[in-house]
Protein backbone atom coordinates (compact mmCIF):
# COMPACT_ATOMS: atom_id res chain seq x y z
CA MET A 1 -56.21 32.04 154.95
CA LEU A 2 -53.53 34.14 156.60
CA VAL A 3 -54.18 35.26 160.16
CA LYS A 4 -51.78 37.88 161.50
CA LEU A 5 -51.55 38.45 165.24
CA SER A 6 -49.22 40.77 167.11
CA THR A 7 -47.73 40.47 170.58
CA ASP A 8 -45.60 42.55 172.89
CA LYS A 9 -43.51 39.46 173.70
CA ASN A 10 -40.05 39.18 172.21
CA ILE A 11 -39.21 36.26 169.98
CA THR A 12 -37.52 34.35 172.82
CA GLU A 13 -40.62 34.71 174.99
CA VAL A 14 -42.83 33.51 172.13
CA ALA A 15 -40.57 30.50 171.57
CA ALA A 16 -40.88 29.62 175.28
CA ALA A 17 -44.65 30.22 175.49
CA LEU A 18 -45.69 28.41 172.31
CA PRO A 19 -45.11 24.81 173.51
CA VAL A 20 -47.11 25.51 176.68
CA SER A 21 -49.98 27.06 174.72
CA ALA A 22 -49.86 24.33 172.09
CA GLN A 23 -50.02 21.58 174.70
CA ALA A 24 -52.97 23.26 176.42
CA ASN A 25 -54.79 23.00 173.08
CA ARG A 26 -53.77 19.38 172.43
CA PHE A 27 -51.09 20.34 169.91
CA GLY A 28 -47.42 19.52 170.00
CA VAL A 29 -44.44 21.44 168.66
CA MET A 30 -42.52 18.99 166.52
CA GLN A 31 -39.73 21.27 165.33
CA VAL A 32 -38.61 24.89 165.42
CA HIS A 33 -36.71 26.26 162.42
CA ASN A 34 -34.64 29.41 162.88
CA LEU A 35 -34.54 30.83 159.34
CA LYS A 36 -31.77 33.33 160.13
CA GLU A 37 -29.49 30.53 161.40
CA THR A 38 -30.43 28.14 158.60
CA MET A 39 -29.72 30.71 155.91
CA ALA A 40 -26.39 31.64 157.55
CA LYS A 41 -25.34 27.97 157.40
CA LYS A 42 -26.05 28.11 153.65
CA GLY A 43 -23.99 31.28 153.24
CA VAL A 44 -27.02 33.54 152.81
CA GLU A 45 -27.31 36.72 154.86
CA PHE A 46 -30.83 37.07 156.27
CA THR A 47 -31.25 39.89 158.77
CA HIS A 48 -34.79 39.21 160.01
CA GLU A 49 -35.54 37.15 163.09
CA CYS A 50 -37.95 34.42 162.02
CA LEU A 51 -38.82 31.16 163.74
CA VAL A 52 -41.06 28.61 162.04
CA PHE A 53 -42.86 26.28 164.43
CA GLU A 54 -44.05 22.92 163.13
CA VAL A 55 -47.14 22.05 165.14
CA CYS A 56 -49.40 19.04 165.02
CA GLN A 57 -52.53 17.78 166.71
CA PRO A 58 -52.11 14.03 166.23
CA GLN A 59 -55.80 13.14 166.60
CA GLN A 60 -56.80 15.70 163.96
CA ALA A 61 -53.96 14.68 161.66
CA LYS A 62 -55.05 11.04 161.85
CA GLU A 63 -58.64 11.95 161.02
CA VAL A 64 -57.65 14.06 158.03
CA LEU A 65 -55.15 11.52 156.72
CA GLU A 66 -57.70 8.70 156.95
CA ARG A 67 -59.92 10.72 154.62
CA ASN A 68 -57.22 11.79 152.17
CA MET A 69 -53.57 10.73 152.33
CA SER A 70 -52.67 13.45 149.80
CA ILE A 71 -53.01 15.92 152.68
CA SER A 72 -49.77 14.48 154.10
CA THR A 73 -47.86 16.96 151.93
CA MET A 74 -49.34 19.76 154.05
CA LEU A 75 -48.43 18.26 157.43
CA PRO A 76 -47.27 19.25 159.91
CA ALA A 77 -48.82 22.69 160.08
CA GLU A 78 -46.31 25.52 160.18
CA SER A 79 -46.70 28.72 162.11
CA PRO A 80 -43.99 31.34 161.63
CA SER A 81 -43.13 33.97 164.18
CA MET A 82 -41.14 36.93 162.92
CA ARG A 83 -39.98 40.32 164.03
CA ARG A 84 -40.80 43.23 161.74
CA LYS A 85 -39.37 46.51 162.94
CA VAL A 86 -40.60 46.70 166.55
CA LYS A 87 -43.60 44.35 166.57
CA LEU A 88 -43.54 40.58 166.65
CA PHE A 89 -46.08 38.90 164.38
CA TRP A 90 -47.47 35.42 164.51
CA LEU A 91 -48.93 33.97 161.32
CA ARG A 92 -51.19 30.97 161.20
């Protein structure tokens, strides 16, 4: 399922607010991938601002993995944040 939320925050504000919000909900941000920067390093021009946040709730991950280790290919959960025209969207 794709959930699309919008915010009036800019991408820098979202990047600063996400770890605080994640921690308040017992999640942690493991990694942030800046797709524009990553593609530039590979010689690919990508004009959109897009950050991908890897988030994990360790207790939930443990429970799921104890039931089915095949789920490990889907962890950690990723939540991209991208700017499209004027609005910033958060997908989860």
